[in-house]
Amino acid sequence: MDGKTLARIGAIIFVAFAITATAIEMNRPAERADDPVAQVRPAPARDPLRVELARCGAMGEAGGRDPSCLHAWAENRRRFLGQPAPVASPEPTAPTPSIPDQNGSR
């Protein structure tokens, strides 16, 4: 068999297959509205951290100097790494000196 003839037979088979697949797809019933997969799900509530990260990303280089952006990136890293939330500590107290004063009191 000649190469041209073989290529033509292959092309005819391909076109016949494409036409058959199209006909089958066109005869399929349309999806029903009560199908749970086709139902529209409500959008989840927006995460304020995600909004802040988007704002910081839009700031460009200025975001690296913005304290709220630095805090948002630290929180995002903490969530990504699965670390527990930091525990809020009470207000710091003044350190007590370990060397006694000249009066002899600590």
PDB file of N, CA and C in Angstrom:
ATOM      1  N   MET A   1       0.826  -1.170   0.000  1.00  0.00           N
ATOM      2  CA  MET A   1       0.000   0.000   0.000  1.00  0.00           C
ATOM      3  C   MET A   1       0.881   1.248   0.000  1.00  0.00           C
ATOM      4  N   ASP A   2       0.452   2.233  -0.705  1.00  0.00           N
ATOM      5  CA  ASP A   2       1.194   3.480  -0.828  1.00  0.00           C
ATOM      6  C   ASP A   2       1.007   4.320   0.454  1.00  0.00           C
ATOM      7  N   GLY A   3       1.993   5.151   0.780  1.00  0.00           N
ATOM      8  CA  GLY A   3       1.932   5.987   1.979  1.00  0.00           C
ATOM      9  C   GLY A   3       0.798   6.996   1.938  1.00  0.00           C
ATOM     10  N   LYS A   4       0.541   7.540   0.730  1.00  0.00           N
ATOM     11  CA  LYS A   4      -0.545   8.515   0.599  1.00  0.00           C
ATOM     12  C   LYS A   4      -1.900   7.857   0.864  1.00  0.00           C
ATOM     13  N   THR A   5      -2.071   6.672   0.374  1.00  0.00           N
ATOM     14  CA  THR A   5      -3.333   5.960   0.562  1.00  0.00           C
ATOM     15  C   THR A   5      -3.554   5.655   2.039  1.00  0.00           C
ATOM     16  N   LEU A   6      -2.506   5.228   2.711  1.00  0.00           N
ATOM     17  CA  LEU A   6      -2.599   4.926   4.137  1.00  0.00           C
ATOM     18  C   LEU A   6      -2.945   6.188   4.929  1.00  0.00           C
ATOM     19  N   ALA A   7      -2.361   7.338   4.577  1.00  0.00           N
ATOM     20  CA  ALA A   7      -2.658   8.593   5.262  1.00  0.00           C
ATOM     21  C   ALA A   7      -4.112   9.006   5.033  1.00  0.00           C
ATOM     22  N   ARG A   8      -4.613   8.800   3.829  1.00  0.00           N
ATOM     23  CA  ARG A   8      -6.000   9.141   3.530  1.00  0.00           C
ATOM     24  C   ARG A   8      -6.974   8.270   4.319  1.00  0.00           C
ATOM     25  N   ILE A   9      -6.668   6.992   4.428  1.00  0.00           N
ATOM     26  CA  ILE A   9      -7.527   6.082   5.202  1.00  0.00           C
ATOM     27  C   ILE A   9      -7.533   6.505   6.670  1.00  0.00           C
ATOM     28  N   GLY A  10      -6.368   6.863   7.197  1.00  0.00           N
ATOM     29  CA  GLY A  10      -6.280   7.318   8.586  1.00  0.00           C
ATOM     30  C   GLY A  10      -7.072   8.601   8.813  1.00  0.00           C
ATOM     31  N   ALA A  11      -7.005   9.532   7.866  1.00  0.00           N
ATOM     32  CA  ALA A  11      -7.749  10.783   7.976  1.00  0.00           C
ATOM     33  C   ALA A  11      -9.247  10.529   7.938  1.00  0.00           C
ATOM     34  N   ILE A  12      -9.689   9.615   7.072  1.00  0.00           N
ATOM     35  CA  ILE A  12     -11.108   9.291   6.977  1.00  0.00           C
ATOM     36  C   ILE A  12     -11.606   8.663   8.274  1.00  0.00           C
ATOM     37  N   ILE A  13     -10.812   7.779   8.853  1.00  0.00           N
ATOM     38  CA  ILE A  13     -11.183   7.147  10.128  1.00  0.00           C
ATOM     39  C   ILE A  13     -11.267   8.199  11.229  1.00  0.00           C
ATOM     40  N   PHE A  14     -10.319   9.135  11.258  1.00  0.00           N
ATOM     41  CA  PHE A  14     -10.322  10.194  12.264  1.00  0.00           C
ATOM     42  C   PHE A  14     -11.566  11.072  12.130  1.00  0.00           C
ATOM     43  N   VAL A  15     -11.901  11.488  10.930  1.00  0.00           N
ATOM     44  CA  VAL A  15     -13.077  12.336  10.702  1.00  0.00           C
ATOM     45  C   VAL A  15     -14.349  11.577  11.082  1.00  0.00           C
ATOM     46  N   ALA A  16     -14.425  10.293  10.739  1.00  0.00           N
ATOM     47  CA  ALA A  16     -15.600   9.500  11.091  1.00  0.00           C
ATOM     48  C   ALA A  16     -15.736   9.405  12.619  1.00  0.00           C
ATOM     49  N   PHE A  17     -14.636   9.207  13.289  1.00  0.00           N
ATOM     50  CA  PHE A  17     -14.661   9.146  14.751  1.00  0.00           C
ATOM     51  C   PHE A  17     -15.114  10.491  15.340  1.00  0.00           C
ATOM     52  N   ALA A  18     -14.615  11.610  14.816  1.00  0.00           N
ATOM     53  CA  ALA A  18     -14.994  12.930  15.319  1.00  0.00           C
ATOM     54  C   ALA A  18     -16.483  13.195  15.102  1.00  0.00           C
ATOM     55  N   ILE A  19     -17.004  12.818  13.969  1.00  0.00           N
ATOM     56  CA  ILE A  19     -18.428  13.020  13.690  1.00  0.00           C
ATOM     57  C   ILE A  19     -19.275  12.167  14.627  1.00  0.00           C
ATOM     58  N   THR A  20     -18.876  10.924  14.856  1.00  0.00           N
ATOM     59  CA  THR A  20     -19.619  10.042  15.757  1.00  0.00           C
ATOM     60  C   THR A  20     -19.620  10.591  17.177  1.00  0.00           C
ATOM     61  N   ALA A  21     -18.468  11.053  17.655  1.00  0.00           N
ATOM     62  CA  ALA A  21     -18.385  11.607  19.007  1.00  0.00           C
ATOM     63  C   ALA A  21     -19.255  12.854  19.145  1.00  0.00           C
ATOM     64  N   THR A  22     -19.289  13.684  18.115  1.00  0.00           N
ATOM     65  CA  THR A  22     -20.117  14.888  18.145  1.00  0.00           C
ATOM     66  C   THR A  22     -21.597  14.527  18.181  1.00  0.00           C
ATOM     67  N   ALA A  23     -21.987  13.559  17.403  1.00  0.00           N
ATOM     68  CA  ALA A  23     -23.395  13.145  17.376  1.00  0.00           C
ATOM     69  C   ALA A  23     -23.820  12.579  18.725  1.00  0.00           C
ATOM     70  N   ILE A  24     -22.966  11.790  19.347  1.00  0.00           N
ATOM     71  CA  ILE A  24     -23.286  11.226  20.659  1.00  0.00           C
ATOM     72  C   ILE A  24     -23.415  12.345  21.694  1.00  0.00           C
ATOM     73  N   GLU A  25     -22.511  13.304  21.671  1.00  0.00           N
ATOM     74  CA  GLU A  25     -22.541  14.400  22.636  1.00  0.00           C
ATOM     75  C   GLU A  25     -23.781  15.268  22.449  1.00  0.00           C
ATOM     76  N   MET A  26     -24.202  15.480  21.233  1.00  0.00           N
ATOM     77  CA  MET A  26     -25.380  16.315  20.978  1.00  0.00           C
ATOM     78  C   MET A  26     -26.664  15.632  21.410  1.00  0.00           C
ATOM     79  N   ASN A  27     -26.690  14.300  21.438  1.00  0.00           N
ATOM     80  CA  ASN A  27     -27.894  13.567  21.823  1.00  0.00           C
ATOM     81  C   ASN A  27     -27.989  13.318  23.327  1.00  0.00           C
ATOM     82  N   ARG A  28     -27.006  13.731  24.088  1.00  0.00           N
ATOM     83  CA  ARG A  28     -27.055  13.544  25.542  1.00  0.00           C
ATOM     84  C   ARG A  28     -28.106  14.467  26.141  1.00  0.00           C
ATOM     85  N   PRO A  29     -28.803  14.008  27.178  1.00  0.00           N
ATOM     86  CA  PRO A  29     -29.787  14.888  27.822  1.00  0.00           C
ATOM     87  C   PRO A  29     -29.071  16.010  28.574  1.00  0.00           C
ATOM     88  N   ALA A  30     -29.739  17.153  28.639  1.00  0.00           N
ATOM     89  CA  ALA A  30     -29.159  18.297  29.348  1.00  0.00           C
ATOM     90  C   ALA A  30     -29.155  18.017  30.847  1.00  0.00           C
ATOM     91  N   GLU A  31     -28.245  18.681  31.561  1.00  0.00           N
ATOM     92  CA  GLU A  31     -28.186  18.498  33.013  1.00  0.00           C
ATOM     93  C   GLU A  31     -29.440  19.081  33.646  1.00  0.00           C
ATOM     94  N   ARG A  32     -29.947  18.381  34.636  1.00  0.00           N
ATOM     95  CA  ARG A  32     -31.148  18.840  35.313  1.00  0.00           C
ATOM     96  C   ARG A  32     -30.776  19.871  36.366  1.00  0.00           C
ATOM     97  N   ALA A  33     -31.706  20.778  36.632  1.00  0.00           N
ATOM     98  CA  ALA A  33     -31.454  21.848  37.607  1.00  0.00           C
ATOM     99  C   ALA A  33     -31.399  21.311  39.030  1.00  0.00           C
ATOM    100  N   ASP A  34     -32.060  20.178  39.308  1.00  0.00           N
ATOM    101  CA  ASP A  34     -32.055  19.643  40.663  1.00  0.00           C
ATOM    102  C   ASP A  34     -30.854  18.735  40.931  1.00  0.00           C
ATOM    103  N   ASP A  35     -29.955  18.657  39.975  1.00  0.00           N
ATOM    104  CA  ASP A  35     -28.734  17.871  40.157  1.00  0.00           C
ATOM    105  C   ASP A  35     -27.860  18.560  41.203  1.00  0.00           C
ATOM    106  N   PRO A  36     -27.475  17.866  42.300  1.00  0.00           N
ATOM    107  CA  PRO A  36     -26.692  18.537  43.352  1.00  0.00           C
ATOM    108  C   PRO A  36     -25.342  19.053  42.868  1.00  0.00           C
ATOM    109  N   VAL A  37     -24.787  18.431  41.850  1.00  0.00           N
ATOM    110  CA  VAL A  37     -23.499  18.886  41.344  1.00  0.00           C
ATOM    111  C   VAL A  37     -23.655  20.201  40.591  1.00  0.00           C
ATOM    112  N   ALA A  38     -24.784  20.370  39.915  1.00  0.00           N
ATOM    113  CA  ALA A  38     -24.999  21.556  39.097  1.00  0.00           C
ATOM    114  C   ALA A  38     -25.476  22.759  39.911  1.00  0.00           C
ATOM    115  N   GLN A  39     -25.887  22.551  41.159  1.00  0.00           N
ATOM    116  CA  GLN A  39     -26.394  23.657  41.959  1.00  0.00           C
ATOM    117  C   GLN A  39     -25.263  24.608  42.323  1.00  0.00           C
ATOM    118  N   VAL A  40     -25.606  25.863  42.374  1.00  0.00           N
ATOM    119  CA  VAL A  40     -24.627  26.891  42.713  1.00  0.00           C
ATOM    120  C   VAL A  40     -24.483  26.939  44.231  1.00  0.00           C
ATOM    121  N   ARG A  41     -23.253  26.914  44.679  1.00  0.00           N
ATOM    122  CA  ARG A  41     -22.987  26.991  46.114  1.00  0.00           C
ATOM    123  C   ARG A  41     -22.715  28.434  46.487  1.00  0.00           C
ATOM    124  N   PRO A  42     -23.146  28.851  47.673  1.00  0.00           N
ATOM    125  CA  PRO A  42     -22.876  30.236  48.079  1.00  0.00           C
ATOM    126  C   PRO A  42     -21.384  30.446  48.286  1.00  0.00           C
ATOM    127  N   ALA A  43     -20.956  31.639  47.980  1.00  0.00           N
ATOM    128  CA  ALA A  43     -19.539  31.961  48.142  1.00  0.00           C
ATOM    129  C   ALA A  43     -19.208  32.008  49.632  1.00  0.00           C
ATOM    130  N   PRO A  44     -18.071  31.447  50.038  1.00  0.00           N
ATOM    131  CA  PRO A  44     -17.700  31.495  51.450  1.00  0.00           C
ATOM    132  C   PRO A  44     -17.382  32.931  51.864  1.00  0.00           C
ATOM    133  N   ALA A  45     -17.491  33.176  53.151  1.00  0.00           N
ATOM    134  CA  ALA A  45     -17.192  34.506  53.679  1.00  0.00           C
ATOM    135  C   ALA A  45     -15.728  34.849  53.404  1.00  0.00           C
ATOM    136  N   ARG A  46     -15.477  36.095  53.109  1.00  0.00           N
ATOM    137  CA  ARG A  46     -14.113  36.519  52.788  1.00  0.00           C
ATOM    138  C   ARG A  46     -13.273  36.555  54.046  1.00  0.00           C
ATOM    139  N   ASP A  47     -12.093  36.023  53.933  1.00  0.00           N
ATOM    140  CA  ASP A  47     -11.151  36.009  55.035  1.00  0.00           C
ATOM    141  C   ASP A  47     -10.483  37.380  55.112  1.00  0.00           C
ATOM    142  N   PRO A  48     -10.550  38.070  56.268  1.00  0.00           N
ATOM    143  CA  PRO A  48      -9.931  39.398  56.353  1.00  0.00           C
ATOM    144  C   PRO A  48      -8.420  39.345  56.119  1.00  0.00           C
ATOM    145  N   LEU A  49      -7.785  38.240  56.489  1.00  0.00           N
ATOM    146  CA  LEU A  49      -6.341  38.120  56.254  1.00  0.00           C
ATOM    147  C   LEU A  49      -6.057  38.087  54.756  1.00  0.00           C
ATOM    148  N   ARG A  50      -6.890  37.386  54.004  1.00  0.00           N
ATOM    149  CA  ARG A  50      -6.691  37.311  52.557  1.00  0.00           C
ATOM    150  C   ARG A  50      -6.863  38.689  51.916  1.00  0.00           C
ATOM    151  N   VAL A  51      -7.838  39.462  52.411  1.00  0.00           N
ATOM    152  CA  VAL A  51      -8.052  40.815  51.894  1.00  0.00           C
ATOM    153  C   VAL A  51      -6.836  41.684  52.199  1.00  0.00           C
ATOM    154  N   GLU A  52      -6.310  41.561  53.410  1.00  0.00           N
ATOM    155  CA  GLU A  52      -5.136  42.362  53.799  1.00  0.00           C
ATOM    156  C   GLU A  52      -3.910  41.962  52.980  1.00  0.00           C
ATOM    157  N   LEU A  53      -3.743  40.665  52.730  1.00  0.00           N
ATOM    158  CA  LEU A  53      -2.607  40.215  51.922  1.00  0.00           C
ATOM    159  C   LEU A  53      -2.707  40.727  50.492  1.00  0.00           C
ATOM    160  N   ALA A  54      -3.933  40.782  49.964  1.00  0.00           N
ATOM    161  CA  ALA A  54      -4.121  41.319  48.617  1.00  0.00           C
ATOM    162  C   ALA A  54      -3.774  42.816  48.593  1.00  0.00           C
ATOM    163  N   ARG A  55      -4.180  43.535  49.637  1.00  0.00           N
ATOM    164  CA  ARG A  55      -3.865  44.966  49.710  1.00  0.00           C
ATOM    165  C   ARG A  55      -2.367  45.170  49.788  1.00  0.00           C
ATOM    166  N   CYS A  56      -1.695  44.359  50.588  1.00  0.00           N
ATOM    167  CA  CYS A  56      -0.242  44.492  50.742  1.00  0.00           C
ATOM    168  C   CYS A  56       0.477  44.138  49.443  1.00  0.00           C
ATOM    169  N   GLY A  57      -0.030  43.142  48.733  1.00  0.00           N
ATOM    170  CA  GLY A  57       0.578  42.772  47.465  1.00  0.00           C
ATOM    171  C   GLY A  57       0.446  43.873  46.431  1.00  0.00           C
ATOM    172  N   ALA A  58      -0.666  44.607  46.500  1.00  0.00           N
ATOM    173  CA  ALA A  58      -0.879  45.702  45.553  1.00  0.00           C
ATOM    174  C   ALA A  58       0.001  46.905  45.882  1.00  0.00           C
ATOM    175  N   MET A  59       0.491  46.966  47.112  1.00  0.00           N
ATOM    176  CA  MET A  59       1.325  48.105  47.525  1.00  0.00           C
ATOM    177  C   MET A  59       2.721  48.046  46.913  1.00  0.00           C
ATOM    178  N   GLY A  60       3.155  46.860  46.537  1.00  0.00           N
ATOM    179  CA  GLY A  60       4.503  46.720  45.972  1.00  0.00           C
ATOM    180  C   GLY A  60       5.555  46.773  47.063  1.00  0.00           C
ATOM    181  N   GLU A  61       6.646  47.494  46.808  1.00  0.00           N
ATOM    182  CA  GLU A  61       7.751  47.557  47.762  1.00  0.00           C
ATOM    183  C   GLU A  61       7.367  48.237  49.067  1.00  0.00           C
ATOM    184  N   ALA A  62       6.392  49.122  49.026  1.00  0.00           N
ATOM    185  CA  ALA A  62       5.976  49.826  50.243  1.00  0.00           C
ATOM    186  C   ALA A  62       5.376  48.856  51.259  1.00  0.00           C
ATOM    187  N   GLY A  63       4.889  47.714  50.813  1.00  0.00           N
ATOM    188  CA  GLY A  63       4.327  46.728  51.731  1.00  0.00           C
ATOM    189  C   GLY A  63       5.361  46.172  52.695  1.00  0.00           C
ATOM    190  N   GLY A  64       6.619  46.154  52.310  1.00  0.00           N
ATOM    191  CA  GLY A  64       7.673  45.641  53.176  1.00  0.00           C
ATOM    192  C   GLY A  64       7.966  46.557  54.352  1.00  0.00           C
ATOM    193  N   ARG A  65       7.496  47.794  54.282  1.00  0.00           N
ATOM    194  CA  ARG A  65       7.722  48.727  55.380  1.00  0.00           C
ATOM    195  C   ARG A  65       6.459  49.003  56.188  1.00  0.00           C
ATOM    196  N   ASP A  66       5.336  48.487  55.725  1.00  0.00           N
ATOM    197  CA  ASP A  66       4.063  48.733  56.395  1.00  0.00           C
ATOM    198  C   ASP A  66       3.896  47.753  57.558  1.00  0.00           C
ATOM    199  N   PRO A  67       3.696  48.248  58.789  1.00  0.00           N
ATOM    200  CA  PRO A  67       3.575  47.343  59.944  1.00  0.00           C
ATOM    201  C   PRO A  67       2.383  46.381  59.834  1.00  0.00           C
ATOM    202  N   SER A  68       1.246  46.845  59.277  1.00  0.00           N
ATOM    203  CA  SER A  68       0.100  45.938  59.177  1.00  0.00           C
ATOM    204  C   SER A  68       0.371  44.827  58.159  1.00  0.00           C
ATOM    205  N   CYS A  69       1.145  45.137  57.114  1.00  0.00           N
ATOM    206  CA  CYS A  69       1.505  44.094  56.140  1.00  0.00           C
ATOM    207  C   CYS A  69       2.468  43.090  56.766  1.00  0.00           C
ATOM    208  N   LEU A  70       3.423  43.574  57.534  1.00  0.00           N
ATOM    209  CA  LEU A  70       4.362  42.662  58.196  1.00  0.00           C
ATOM    210  C   LEU A  70       3.611  41.723  59.134  1.00  0.00           C
ATOM    211  N   HIS A  71       2.621  42.268  59.853  1.00  0.00           N
ATOM    212  CA  HIS A  71       1.824  41.440  60.756  1.00  0.00           C
ATOM    213  C   HIS A  71       0.999  40.423  59.964  1.00  0.00           C
ATOM    214  N   ALA A  72       0.411  40.849  58.842  1.00  0.00           N
ATOM    215  CA  ALA A  72      -0.398  39.941  58.029  1.00  0.00           C
ATOM    216  C   ALA A  72       0.460  38.817  57.450  1.00  0.00           C
ATOM    217  N   TRP A  73       1.657  39.133  56.987  1.00  0.00           N
ATOM    218  CA  TRP A  73       2.536  38.095  56.440  1.00  0.00           C
ATOM    219  C   TRP A  73       2.979  37.119  57.528  1.00  0.00           C
ATOM    220  N   ALA A  74       3.240  37.637  58.726  1.00  0.00           N
ATOM    221  CA  ALA A  74       3.622  36.746  59.835  1.00  0.00           C
ATOM    222  C   ALA A  74       2.468  35.810  60.185  1.00  0.00           C
ATOM    223  N   GLU A  75       1.244  36.329  60.199  1.00  0.00           N
ATOM    224  CA  GLU A  75       0.080  35.493  60.488  1.00  0.00           C
ATOM    225  C   GLU A  75      -0.127  34.452  59.391  1.00  0.00           C
ATOM    226  N   ASN A  76       0.080  34.837  58.140  1.00  0.00           N
ATOM    227  CA  ASN A  76      -0.066  33.901  57.032  1.00  0.00           C
ATOM    228  C   ASN A  76       0.982  32.785  57.138  1.00  0.00           C
ATOM    229  N   ARG A  77       2.213  33.134  57.478  1.00  0.00           N
ATOM    230  CA  ARG A  77       3.264  32.120  57.667  1.00  0.00           C
ATOM    231  C   ARG A  77       2.895  31.170  58.798  1.00  0.00           C
ATOM    232  N   ARG A  78       2.381  31.741  59.905  1.00  0.00           N
ATOM    233  CA  ARG A  78       2.012  30.916  61.057  1.00  0.00           C
ATOM    234  C   ARG A  78       0.918  29.921  60.656  1.00  0.00           C
ATOM    235  N   ARG A  79      -0.092  30.378  59.917  1.00  0.00           N
ATOM    236  CA  ARG A  79      -1.164  29.479  59.478  1.00  0.00           C
ATOM    237  C   ARG A  79      -0.639  28.416  58.524  1.00  0.00           C
ATOM    238  N   PHE A  80       0.220  28.822  57.588  1.00  0.00           N
ATOM    239  CA  PHE A  80       0.738  27.885  56.596  1.00  0.00           C
ATOM    240  C   PHE A  80       1.558  26.785  57.257  1.00  0.00           C
ATOM    241  N   LEU A  81       2.366  27.152  58.233  1.00  0.00           N
ATOM    242  CA  LEU A  81       3.218  26.176  58.887  1.00  0.00           C
ATOM    243  C   LEU A  81       2.490  25.376  59.957  1.00  0.00           C
ATOM    244  N   GLY A  82       1.237  25.739  60.242  1.00  0.00           N
ATOM    245  CA  GLY A  82       0.439  24.986  61.204  1.00  0.00           C
ATOM    246  C   GLY A  82       0.853  25.215  62.633  1.00  0.00           C
ATOM    247  N   GLN A  83       1.429  26.343  62.925  1.00  0.00           N
ATOM    248  CA  GLN A  83       1.837  26.641  64.291  1.00  0.00           C
ATOM    249  C   GLN A  83       0.635  27.156  65.069  1.00  0.00           C
ATOM    250  N   PRO A  84       0.605  26.895  66.382  1.00  0.00           N
ATOM    251  CA  PRO A  84      -0.520  27.379  67.178  1.00  0.00           C
ATOM    252  C   PRO A  84      -0.489  28.903  67.289  1.00  0.00           C
ATOM    253  N   ALA A  85      -1.659  29.452  67.544  1.00  0.00           N
ATOM    254  CA  ALA A  85      -1.763  30.909  67.688  1.00  0.00           C
ATOM    255  C   ALA A  85      -0.999  31.342  68.934  1.00  0.00           C
ATOM    256  N   PRO A  86      -0.334  32.477  68.860  1.00  0.00           N
ATOM    257  CA  PRO A  86       0.393  32.943  70.040  1.00  0.00           C
ATOM    258  C   PRO A  86      -0.571  33.285  71.161  1.00  0.00           C
ATOM    259  N   VAL A  87      -0.172  32.950  72.378  1.00  0.00           N
ATOM    260  CA  VAL A  87      -0.989  33.226  73.553  1.00  0.00           C
ATOM    261  C   VAL A  87      -0.750  34.673  73.953  1.00  0.00           C
ATOM    262  N   ALA A  88      -1.843  35.384  74.183  1.00  0.00           N
ATOM    263  CA  ALA A  88      -1.715  36.778  74.599  1.00  0.00           C
ATOM    264  C   ALA A  88      -1.179  36.811  76.023  1.00  0.00           C
ATOM    265  N   SER A  89      -0.043  37.445  76.200  1.00  0.00           N
ATOM    266  CA  SER A  89       0.565  37.511  77.525  1.00  0.00           C
ATOM    267  C   SER A  89       0.130  38.792  78.207  1.00  0.00           C
ATOM    268  N   PRO A  90       0.134  38.798  79.552  1.00  0.00           N
ATOM    269  CA  PRO A  90      -0.211  40.027  80.252  1.00  0.00           C
ATOM    270  C   PRO A  90       0.832  41.097  79.969  1.00  0.00           C
ATOM    271  N   GLU A  91       0.509  42.314  80.351  1.00  0.00           N
ATOM    272  CA  GLU A  91       1.451  43.405  80.112  1.00  0.00           C
ATOM    273  C   GLU A  91       2.776  43.114  80.796  1.00  0.00           C
ATOM    274  N   PRO A  92       3.871  43.438  80.130  1.00  0.00           N
ATOM    275  CA  PRO A  92       5.171  43.154  80.734  1.00  0.00           C
ATOM    276  C   PRO A  92       5.392  44.006  81.985  1.00  0.00           C
ATOM    277  N   THR A  93       6.047  43.397  82.921  1.00  0.00           N
ATOM    278  CA  THR A  93       6.370  44.115  84.152  1.00  0.00           C
ATOM    279  C   THR A  93       7.835  44.542  84.097  1.00  0.00           C
ATOM    280  N   ALA A  94       8.150  45.502  84.901  1.00  0.00           N
ATOM    281  CA  ALA A  94       9.530  45.986  84.935  1.00  0.00           C
ATOM    282  C   ALA A  94      10.429  44.873  85.459  1.00  0.00           C
ATOM    283  N   PRO A  95      11.603  44.691  84.862  1.00  0.00           N
ATOM    284  CA  PRO A  95      12.497  43.642  85.345  1.00  0.00           C
ATOM    285  C   PRO A  95      13.032  43.995  86.735  1.00  0.00           C
ATOM    286  N   THR A  96      13.239  42.939  87.506  1.00  0.00           N
ATOM    287  CA  THR A  96      13.804  43.156  88.839  1.00  0.00           C
ATOM    288  C   THR A  96      15.312  42.984  88.749  1.00  0.00           C
ATOM    289  N   PRO A  97      16.048  43.914  89.304  1.00  0.00           N
ATOM    290  CA  PRO A  97      17.505  43.797  89.220  1.00  0.00           C
ATOM    291  C   PRO A  97      18.007  42.631  90.070  1.00  0.00           C
ATOM    292  N   SER A  98      19.010  41.949  89.557  1.00  0.00           N
ATOM    293  CA  SER A  98      19.574  40.829  90.316  1.00  0.00           C
ATOM    294  C   SER A  98      20.712  41.294  91.222  1.00  0.00           C
ATOM    295  N   ILE A  99      21.186  42.480  90.983  1.00  0.00           N
ATOM    296  CA  ILE A  99      22.243  43.032  91.835  1.00  0.00           C
ATOM    297  C   ILE A  99      21.582  43.954  92.855  1.00  0.00           C
ATOM    298  N   PRO A 100      21.879  43.775  94.132  1.00  0.00           N
ATOM    299  CA  PRO A 100      21.231  44.616  95.143  1.00  0.00           C
ATOM    300  C   PRO A 100      21.660  46.088  94.994  1.00  0.00           C
ATOM    301  N   ASP A 101      20.712  46.979  95.352  1.00  0.00           N
ATOM    302  CA  ASP A 101      21.019  48.388  95.385  1.00  0.00           C
ATOM    303  C   ASP A 101      22.053  48.663  96.466  1.00  0.00           C
ATOM    304  N   GLN A 102      22.506  49.882  96.477  1.00  0.00           N
ATOM    305  CA  GLN A 102      23.461  50.260  97.518  1.00  0.00           C
ATOM    306  C   GLN A 102      22.799  50.273  98.871  1.00  0.00           C
ATOM    307  N   ASN A 103      21.462  50.324  98.917  1.00  0.00           N
ATOM    308  CA  ASN A 103      20.734  50.309 100.180  1.00  0.00           C
ATOM    309  C   ASN A 103      20.618  48.899 100.718  1.00  0.00           C
ATOM    310  N   GLY A 104      20.957  47.896  99.925  1.00  0.00           N
ATOM    311  CA  GLY A 104      20.889  46.528 100.374  1.00  0.00           C
ATOM    312  C   GLY A 104      19.584  45.846 100.026  1.00  0.00           C
ATOM    313  N   SER A 105      18.705  46.515  99.312  1.00  0.00           N
ATOM    314  CA  SER A 105      17.456  45.892  98.937  1.00  0.00           C
ATOM    315  C   SER A 105      17.540  45.417  97.481  1.00  0.00           C
ATOM    316  N   ARG A 106      16.732  44.503  97.148  1.00  0.00           N
ATOM    317  CA  ARG A 106      16.718  43.958  95.793  1.00  0.00           C
ATOM    318  C   ARG A 106      15.794  44.688  94.926  1.00  0.00           C
TER     319      ARG A 106
END
